[in-house]
Amino acid sequence: MNDKQKIHESTLNVESSGQQMLDQIRSLEKISEETVIYGLYDNSQAGLWVRFNDFLIDRSKVTVKDKSYFFHMLAVMVDAGISMYQALAALVNRTDNLRFRRILNTLRHEVEQGKTLSASMQRFDDVFDESEIGIVKSGEATGRLDQMLFKLSEKLDKRNDLNMKLWGAAIYPIVVFSVLVLVAVGMLVWIFPSLLALLAEGGVSGSALPLATRMLMYFQNALVNYWWLILLLAFGVYGIFVFYKGTEQGRYKLDYFWLKLPIFGPLVRKVYVLRFIDMMGMLIESGLPVIRALEITGNSMTNEIYKLNTKSLIEDVTTGQKISKNLKEVPFLFPPEVSQMLSVGEASASLSSVSEKISEQYGREIDNSLKKLSSIFEPVMILVVGLFVAMLALAIMAPIFNLSSTLS
């Protein structure tokens, strides 16, 4: 066999090996295409595991990020001239969220049956809120669906970024506080009893212990012997809180309490101002009447105080008053610069563009406020951790030193 034949056979072997690897990759488990259509799918005759799995899937959460990606890709496809049915069919399996797959597959089926996208979305009002449905419906009516979908995707992206920033600012103190609680419980349950036994062997009575050590003894005794009562009280307090929050008076007072907090209150108010102005401006830009835009905006507000003020605003606008005049009367909820800028927008018939500028400004202010809070939290949490360590050291080490001195 000459050298050319050897080289040819070697090349064939390499290609055969590569083809085998490619076949293995192709044979890997693929994502199965979603076939569940709500209203047609029936799992009553399926096994227990299938029904339990469907129960979990149908109650899973669809995130803002999932919806933002969906609206953006749908806008790209509609803008490219692809029909709504084909776009939805292509996007069904582009998400990892199993429930959202089923919802998109149901939307695809209903659009195929002749329904509009907005009418199909109304079936899933726990996933698509009233503002999203209204914007899509307005885009369908005005022939600007692709533009409205792009706008909606952009707004959802910003909302998701804001939520991530808020959680990012809150996660640090939550984690530090949780670690401190776990360390304290661990020391009281496993380490402190050994110390008490050591002191008892040394003949040290409880009355001779330092105050900090005696306090830890009381906490340790309550935690070990009455843990069930502590849990019962905790659940009881939580139940009372949930019940009170469920009442109309409780909702108003708690929401007002969050707005009045010394450090966090101004940040909370800025977040609600941003959401109100951003939502109202986008809905007006989509072509909805001002009254309808305000109704949807008010329903989307999670704070009862802002929701109540929006109802008052709708009544005033219905009688012919301007939005800026109503907001000017509640400077605690809407700072004076907001009502002034809206007044300029109403006078120049550019309310949507002015609302967008206000939203951008408040987005920057919220970023700056979060940075300031983070810079405050870090030294405060360091101080808290230092005090916690110092108290534990004083309560645990002081009696040991006293015992050593006594023995000496």
Protein backbone atom coordinates (compact mmCIF):
# COMPACT_ATOMS: atom_id res chain seq x y z
CA MET A 1 0.00 0.00 0.00
CA ASN A 2 1.52 3.33 -1.04
CA ASP A 3 1.53 6.54 0.98
CA LYS A 4 -1.40 8.06 -0.93
CA GLN A 5 -3.64 5.10 -0.10
CA LYS A 6 -2.65 5.28 3.57
CA ILE A 7 -3.46 8.98 3.69
CA HIS A 8 -6.80 8.34 1.95
CA GLU A 9 -7.76 5.60 4.41
CA SER A 10 -6.73 7.78 7.36
CA THR A 11 -8.92 10.58 6.05
CA LEU A 12 -11.85 8.20 5.65
CA ASN A 13 -11.41 6.96 9.24
CA VAL A 14 -11.37 10.50 10.58
CA GLU A 15 -14.50 11.40 8.60
CA SER A 16 -16.24 8.21 9.80
CA SER A 17 -15.39 9.03 13.41
CA GLY A 18 -16.62 12.59 12.96
CA GLN A 19 -19.85 11.36 11.38
CA GLN A 20 -20.43 9.03 14.34
CA MET A 21 -20.01 11.95 16.75
CA LEU A 22 -22.41 14.05 14.66
CA ASP A 23 -24.96 11.21 14.71
CA GLN A 24 -24.63 10.99 18.49
CA ILE A 25 -25.27 14.72 18.81
CA ARG A 26 -28.33 14.41 16.59
CA SER A 27 -29.60 11.50 18.64
CA LEU A 28 -29.47 13.48 21.88
CA GLU A 29 -32.82 14.19 23.49
CA LYS A 30 -34.42 17.14 21.77
CA ILE A 31 -36.90 19.58 23.21
CA SER A 32 -40.28 18.11 22.41
CA GLU A 33 -42.64 20.43 20.62
CA GLU A 34 -45.41 21.69 22.85
CA THR A 35 -48.80 20.23 21.98
CA VAL A 36 -50.88 21.29 24.99
CA ILE A 37 -53.70 23.69 24.08
CA TYR A 38 -55.72 24.98 27.02
CA GLY A 39 -59.39 24.20 26.50
CA LEU A 40 -58.66 21.18 24.31
CA TYR A 41 -56.10 19.35 26.43
CA ASP A 42 -57.65 16.76 28.75
CA ASN A 43 -55.50 14.88 31.25
CA SER A 44 -58.34 13.34 33.25
CA GLN A 45 -57.47 9.89 31.91
CA ALA A 46 -53.71 10.35 32.34
CA GLY A 47 -51.63 8.89 35.13
CA LEU A 48 -51.18 10.47 38.54
CA TRP A 49 -47.66 11.68 37.74
CA VAL A 50 -48.81 13.41 34.53
CA ARG A 51 -51.64 15.19 36.33
CA PHE A 52 -49.35 16.24 39.17
CA ASN A 53 -46.78 17.54 36.68
CA ASP A 54 -49.49 19.47 34.82
CA PHE A 55 -50.68 20.92 38.13
CA LEU A 56 -47.19 22.28 38.86
CA ILE A 57 -46.67 23.58 35.33
CA ASP A 58 -50.03 25.35 35.18
CA ARG A 59 -49.26 27.19 38.42
CA SER A 60 -45.70 28.20 37.63
CA LYS A 61 -44.84 31.86 37.16
CA VAL A 62 -44.17 33.61 33.85
CA THR A 63 -41.47 36.21 34.46
CA VAL A 64 -41.20 39.70 33.04
CA LYS A 65 -38.05 38.58 31.24
CA ASP A 66 -39.98 35.79 29.47
CA LYS A 67 -42.61 38.24 28.26
CA SER A 68 -40.04 40.85 27.22
CA TYR A 69 -38.20 38.35 25.02
CA PHE A 70 -41.47 37.11 23.53
CA PHE A 71 -42.76 40.58 22.63
CA HIS A 72 -39.39 41.57 21.15
CA MET A 73 -39.09 38.49 18.94
CA LEU A 74 -42.75 38.80 17.93
CA ALA A 75 -42.16 42.43 16.96
CA VAL A 76 -39.14 41.46 14.84
CA MET A 77 -41.14 38.80 13.01
CA VAL A 78 -44.21 40.99 12.46
CA ASP A 79 -41.96 43.80 11.23
CA ALA A 80 -40.39 41.33 8.77
CA GLY A 81 -43.81 40.56 7.30
CA ILE A 82 -44.35 37.17 8.91
CA SER A 83 -47.96 36.37 9.73
CA MET A 84 -49.05 36.29 13.36
CA TYR A 85 -49.79 32.56 13.21
CA GLN A 86 -46.36 31.72 11.79
CA ALA A 87 -44.62 33.99 14.30
CA LEU A 88 -46.38 32.38 17.25
CA ALA A 89 -45.71 28.90 15.90
CA ALA A 90 -42.01 29.73 15.64
CA LEU A 91 -41.86 31.16 19.17
CA VAL A 92 -43.70 28.36 20.98
CA ASN A 93 -40.58 26.36 21.79
CA ARG A 94 -38.18 29.31 22.11
CA THR A 95 -38.83 29.66 25.85
CA ASP A 96 -37.70 27.38 28.67
CA ASN A 97 -40.79 28.21 30.72
CA LEU A 98 -43.11 25.22 30.24
CA ARG A 99 -46.25 27.10 31.18
CA PHE A 100 -45.43 29.94 28.81
CA ARG A 101 -44.94 27.37 26.03
CA ARG A 102 -48.44 26.09 26.61
CA ILE A 103 -49.84 29.61 26.67
CA LEU A 104 -48.11 30.54 23.41
CA ASN A 105 -49.31 27.33 21.80
CA THR A 106 -52.87 28.20 22.87
CA LEU A 107 -52.46 31.72 21.46
CA ARG A 108 -51.23 30.21 18.18
CA HIS A 109 -54.26 27.92 18.02
CA GLU A 110 -56.77 30.70 18.72
CA VAL A 111 -55.13 33.04 16.19
CA GLU A 112 -55.41 30.22 13.65
CA GLN A 113 -59.14 30.06 14.48
CA GLY A 114 -59.51 33.75 13.59
CA LYS A 115 -59.09 35.53 16.93
CA THR A 116 -56.84 38.55 17.34
CA LEU A 117 -53.76 38.31 19.53
CA SER A 118 -55.15 40.75 22.11
CA ALA A 119 -58.42 38.81 22.39
CA SER A 120 -56.47 35.59 22.92
CA MET A 121 -54.25 37.22 25.54
CA GLN A 122 -57.31 38.24 27.58
CA ARG A 123 -57.81 34.57 28.46
CA PHE A 124 -54.55 34.67 30.45
CA ASP A 125 -55.08 37.81 32.51
CA ASP A 126 -52.87 36.39 35.27
CA VAL A 127 -49.92 36.43 32.83
CA PHE A 128 -50.64 39.40 30.55
CA ASP A 129 -51.81 42.42 32.52
CA GLU A 130 -54.38 44.92 31.35
CA SER A 131 -51.80 47.39 30.06
CA GLU A 132 -50.07 44.82 27.85
CA ILE A 133 -53.38 43.66 26.39
CA GLY A 134 -54.45 47.27 25.82
CA ILE A 135 -51.23 48.17 24.01
CA VAL A 136 -51.44 45.13 21.72
CA LYS A 137 -55.11 45.85 21.00
CA SER A 138 -54.32 49.47 20.19
CA GLY A 139 -51.49 48.40 17.89
CA GLU A 140 -53.81 46.03 16.06
CA ALA A 141 -56.43 48.77 15.63
CA THR A 142 -53.99 51.41 14.36
CA GLY A 143 -51.85 49.12 12.20
CA ARG A 144 -48.74 49.83 14.29
CA LEU A 145 -48.53 46.49 16.04
CA ASP A 146 -44.80 46.01 15.41
CA GLN A 147 -43.98 49.46 16.83
CA MET A 148 -46.13 48.89 19.90
CA LEU A 149 -44.58 45.47 20.49
CA PHE A 150 -41.10 46.97 20.33
CA LYS A 151 -42.16 49.66 22.82
CA LEU A 152 -43.76 47.08 25.10
CA SER A 153 -40.64 44.90 25.03
CA GLU A 154 -38.46 47.89 25.88
CA LYS A 155 -40.68 48.88 28.82
CA LEU A 156 -40.72 45.33 30.17
CA ASP A 157 -36.92 45.22 29.90
CA LYS A 158 -36.67 48.39 31.95
CA ARG A 159 -39.13 47.05 34.51
CA ASN A 160 -37.13 43.85 34.83
CA ASP A 161 -33.88 45.81 35.25
CA LEU A 162 -35.49 47.96 37.96
CA ASN A 163 -36.76 44.87 39.81
CA MET A 164 -33.29 43.31 39.65
CA LYS A 165 -31.71 46.48 41.02
CA LEU A 166 -34.20 46.67 43.88
CA TRP A 167 -33.64 43.01 44.77
CA GLY A 168 -29.90 43.47 44.44
CA ALA A 169 -29.99 46.32 46.96
CA ALA A 170 -32.14 44.31 49.38
CA ILE A 171 -30.33 40.98 49.14
CA TYR A 172 -27.18 42.11 50.99
CA PRO A 173 -28.80 43.07 54.34
CA ILE A 174 -31.19 40.10 54.09
CA VAL A 175 -28.32 37.63 53.65
CA VAL A 176 -26.25 39.19 56.44
CA PHE A 177 -29.20 39.20 58.85
CA SER A 178 -30.08 35.58 57.97
CA VAL A 179 -26.48 34.44 58.56
CA LEU A 180 -26.40 36.22 61.92
CA VAL A 181 -29.62 34.51 63.00
CA LEU A 182 -28.37 31.07 61.92
CA VAL A 183 -25.04 31.57 63.69
CA ALA A 184 -26.77 32.73 66.87
CA VAL A 185 -29.17 29.78 66.87
CA GLY A 186 -26.35 27.32 66.17
CA MET A 187 -24.24 28.65 69.03
CA LEU A 188 -27.15 28.65 71.46
CA VAL A 189 -28.18 25.09 70.60
CA TRP A 190 -24.80 23.35 70.23
CA ILE A 191 -21.99 25.44 71.72
CA PHE A 192 -23.50 27.31 74.64
CA PRO A 193 -24.71 24.17 76.53
CA SER A 194 -21.11 22.88 76.59
CA LEU A 195 -20.00 26.17 78.10
CA LEU A 196 -22.70 25.99 80.77
CA ALA A 197 -21.64 22.43 81.65
CA LEU A 198 -18.02 23.55 81.92
CA LEU A 199 -18.97 26.42 84.22
CA ALA A 200 -21.12 24.13 86.37
CA GLU A 201 -18.19 21.72 86.80
CA GLY A 202 -16.05 24.67 87.87
CA GLY A 203 -18.55 25.57 90.59
CA VAL A 204 -19.68 28.82 89.02
CA SER A 205 -23.29 29.62 89.95
CA GLY A 206 -25.72 31.33 87.58
CA SER A 207 -25.93 34.46 89.71
CA ALA A 208 -22.15 34.92 89.42
CA LEU A 209 -22.21 35.01 85.62
CA PRO A 210 -21.99 38.30 83.70
CA LEU A 211 -25.24 39.92 82.56
CA ALA A 212 -24.60 39.12 78.88
CA THR A 213 -24.06 35.43 79.70
CA ARG A 214 -27.22 35.27 81.80
CA MET A 215 -29.21 36.82 78.94
CA LEU A 216 -27.87 34.18 76.58
CA MET A 217 -28.88 31.53 79.14
CA TYR A 218 -32.46 32.78 79.07
CA PHE A 219 -32.50 32.84 75.26
CA GLN A 220 -30.97 29.36 75.11
CA ASN A 221 -33.48 27.97 77.57
CA ALA A 222 -36.40 29.50 75.66
CA LEU A 223 -35.07 28.28 72.31
CA VAL A 224 -34.43 24.70 73.45
CA ASN A 225 -37.45 24.16 75.70
CA TYR A 226 -40.07 26.39 74.10
CA TRP A 227 -39.16 26.31 70.39
CA TRP A 228 -42.69 25.12 69.58
CA LEU A 229 -44.19 28.13 71.34
CA ILE A 230 -41.83 30.47 69.46
CA LEU A 231 -42.88 28.94 66.13
CA LEU A 232 -46.54 29.13 67.15
CA LEU A 233 -46.20 32.81 68.05
CA ALA A 234 -44.35 33.53 64.80
CA PHE A 235 -47.08 31.89 62.72
CA GLY A 236 -49.71 33.65 64.78
CA VAL A 237 -48.15 37.07 64.22
CA TYR A 238 -47.80 36.32 60.51
CA GLY A 239 -51.44 35.22 60.33
CA ILE A 240 -52.60 38.40 62.05
CA PHE A 241 -50.47 40.47 59.65
CA VAL A 242 -51.93 38.70 56.60
CA PHE A 243 -55.48 39.11 57.93
CA TYR A 244 -54.94 42.80 58.67
CA LYS A 245 -53.38 43.35 55.26
CA GLY A 246 -56.42 41.72 53.68
CA THR A 247 -58.75 44.33 55.16
CA GLU A 248 -59.34 47.59 53.34
CA GLN A 249 -58.17 49.69 56.28
CA GLY A 250 -55.08 47.51 56.70
CA ARG A 251 -54.08 47.85 53.05
CA TYR A 252 -54.33 51.64 53.15
CA LYS A 253 -52.41 51.97 56.42
CA LEU A 254 -49.65 49.55 55.45
CA ASP A 255 -49.17 51.11 52.01
CA TYR A 256 -49.08 54.57 53.61
CA PHE A 257 -46.57 53.27 56.16
CA TRP A 258 -44.19 52.17 53.37
CA LEU A 259 -44.42 55.61 51.77
CA LYS A 260 -43.64 57.35 55.09
CA LEU A 261 -40.55 55.33 56.06
CA PRO A 262 -37.64 57.69 56.88
CA ILE A 263 -34.99 56.29 54.50
CA PHE A 264 -36.85 53.93 52.19
CA GLY A 265 -40.02 56.01 51.77
CA PRO A 266 -38.61 58.51 49.24
CA LEU A 267 -37.20 55.64 47.15
CA VAL A 268 -40.55 53.80 47.23
CA ARG A 269 -42.37 56.95 46.11
CA LYS A 270 -39.92 57.45 43.24
CA VAL A 271 -40.52 53.88 42.07
CA TYR A 272 -44.29 54.39 42.03
CA VAL A 273 -43.99 57.75 40.26
CA LEU A 274 -41.80 56.09 37.62
CA ARG A 275 -44.29 53.25 37.10
CA PHE A 276 -47.29 55.60 36.95
CA ILE A 277 -45.77 58.07 34.50
CA ASP A 278 -44.14 55.38 32.38
CA MET A 279 -47.34 53.35 32.07
CA MET A 280 -49.56 56.35 31.40
CA GLY A 281 -47.23 57.75 28.73
CA MET A 282 -46.89 54.44 26.91
CA LEU A 283 -50.66 53.84 26.88
CA ILE A 284 -51.39 57.34 25.57
CA GLU A 285 -48.71 56.91 22.91
CA SER A 286 -50.32 53.64 21.83
CA GLY A 287 -53.47 55.57 20.92
CA LEU A 288 -55.71 54.80 23.88
CA PRO A 289 -57.99 57.58 25.18
CA VAL A 290 -56.64 59.40 28.23
CA ILE A 291 -59.42 58.15 30.53
CA ARG A 292 -58.87 54.55 29.49
CA ALA A 293 -55.10 54.95 29.86
CA LEU A 294 -55.56 56.30 33.39
CA GLU A 295 -57.92 53.44 34.30
CA ILE A 296 -55.40 50.82 33.17
CA THR A 297 -52.57 52.67 34.91
CA GLY A 298 -54.51 52.87 38.16
CA ASN A 299 -55.35 49.16 38.06
CA SER A 300 -51.67 48.32 37.57
CA MET A 301 -50.57 50.23 40.68
CA THR A 302 -49.92 47.94 43.66
CA ASN A 303 -50.04 50.73 46.24
CA GLU A 304 -53.54 51.55 47.44
CA ILE A 305 -52.73 55.23 48.06
CA TYR A 306 -51.61 55.77 44.46
CA LYS A 307 -54.55 53.72 43.22
CA LEU A 308 -56.97 55.88 45.23
CA ASN A 309 -55.41 59.07 43.90
CA THR A 310 -55.70 57.73 40.34
CA LYS A 311 -59.46 57.26 40.85
CA SER A 312 -59.68 60.89 41.97
CA LEU A 313 -57.59 61.90 38.95
CA ILE A 314 -59.97 60.10 36.57
CA GLU A 315 -62.97 61.90 38.09
CA ASP A 316 -61.23 65.27 37.66
CA VAL A 317 -60.17 64.57 34.07
CA THR A 318 -63.71 63.43 33.25
CA THR A 319 -65.01 66.85 34.34
CA GLY A 320 -62.46 68.61 32.13
CA GLN A 321 -59.58 69.26 34.50
CA LYS A 322 -55.97 68.64 33.56
CA ILE A 323 -53.84 65.79 34.87
CA SER A 324 -51.15 68.18 36.08
CA LYS A 325 -53.64 70.14 38.22
CA ASN A 326 -54.68 67.03 40.15
CA LEU A 327 -51.10 65.83 40.69
CA LYS A 328 -50.09 69.32 41.84
CA GLU A 329 -52.46 68.94 44.80
CA VAL A 330 -50.63 65.83 46.12
CA PRO A 331 -46.93 66.83 46.25
CA PHE A 332 -46.27 64.00 48.72
CA LEU A 333 -47.10 61.44 46.02
CA PHE A 334 -45.98 63.41 42.94
CA PRO A 335 -43.22 66.02 43.42
CA PRO A 336 -43.87 69.51 41.99
CA GLU A 337 -41.47 69.04 39.05
CA VAL A 338 -43.57 66.13 37.80
CA SER A 339 -46.79 68.16 37.66
CA GLN A 340 -44.94 71.10 36.09
CA MET A 341 -43.48 68.96 33.30
CA LEU A 342 -46.83 67.30 32.67
CA SER A 343 -48.43 70.75 32.47
CA VAL A 344 -45.98 71.65 29.70
CA GLY A 345 -46.76 68.38 27.94
CA GLU A 346 -50.50 69.01 28.10
CA ALA A 347 -50.09 72.55 26.80
CA SER A 348 -47.96 71.39 23.84
CA ALA A 349 -49.97 68.21 23.13
CA SER A 350 -46.84 66.12 23.75
CA LEU A 351 -47.86 64.31 26.92
CA SER A 352 -46.38 60.95 25.87
CA SER A 353 -42.94 62.37 25.01
CA VAL A 354 -42.84 64.42 28.23
CA SER A 355 -43.82 61.32 30.21
CA GLU A 356 -40.92 59.45 28.64
CA LYS A 357 -38.49 62.20 29.69
CA ILE A 358 -39.85 62.11 33.25
CA SER A 359 -39.44 58.32 33.30
CA GLU A 360 -35.82 58.58 32.17
CA GLN A 361 -35.10 61.20 34.81
CA TYR A 362 -36.66 59.15 37.60
CA GLY A 363 -34.85 56.05 36.40
CA ARG A 364 -31.56 57.88 36.93
CA GLU A 365 -32.69 59.19 40.32
CA ILE A 366 -33.62 55.68 41.46
CA ASP A 367 -30.20 54.39 40.38
CA ASN A 368 -28.50 57.15 42.39
CA SER A 369 -30.72 56.47 45.42
CA LEU A 370 -29.89 52.76 45.31
CA LYS A 371 -26.18 53.54 45.16
CA LYS A 372 -26.49 55.84 48.18
CA LEU A 373 -28.44 53.21 50.12
CA SER A 374 -25.79 50.61 49.31
CA SER A 375 -23.05 52.94 50.51
CA ILE A 376 -25.01 53.42 53.77
CA PHE A 377 -25.84 49.74 54.23
CA GLU A 378 -22.27 48.48 54.04
CA PRO A 379 -20.85 50.33 57.08
CA VAL A 380 -24.10 49.82 59.01
CA MET A 381 -24.04 46.06 58.43
CA ILE A 382 -20.34 45.93 59.33
CA LEU A 383 -21.18 47.74 62.58
CA VAL A 384 -24.07 45.33 63.28
CA VAL A 385 -21.85 42.29 62.66
CA GLY A 386 -19.13 43.78 64.87
CA LEU A 387 -21.57 44.40 67.73
CA PHE A 388 -22.98 40.89 67.35
CA VAL A 389 -19.52 39.31 67.51
CA ALA A 390 -18.55 41.51 70.45
CA MET A 391 -21.66 40.53 72.42
CA LEU A 392 -21.09 36.84 71.76
CA ALA A 393 -17.44 37.12 72.71
CA LEU A 394 -18.31 38.98 75.90
CA ALA A 395 -21.04 36.50 76.86
CA ILE A 396 -18.95 33.38 76.13
CA MET A 397 -15.35 34.36 76.84
CA ALA A 398 -15.85 36.47 79.98
CA PRO A 399 -17.02 33.59 82.23
CA ILE A 400 -14.23 31.36 80.88
CA PHE A 401 -11.63 33.97 81.84
CA ASN A 402 -13.23 34.35 85.25
CA LEU A 403 -13.19 30.59 85.73
CA SER A 404 -9.52 30.44 84.72
CA SER A 405 -8.68 33.18 87.20
CA THR A 406 -10.58 31.37 89.97
CA LEU A 407 -8.77 28.09 89.27
CA SER A 408 -5.42 29.87 89.23
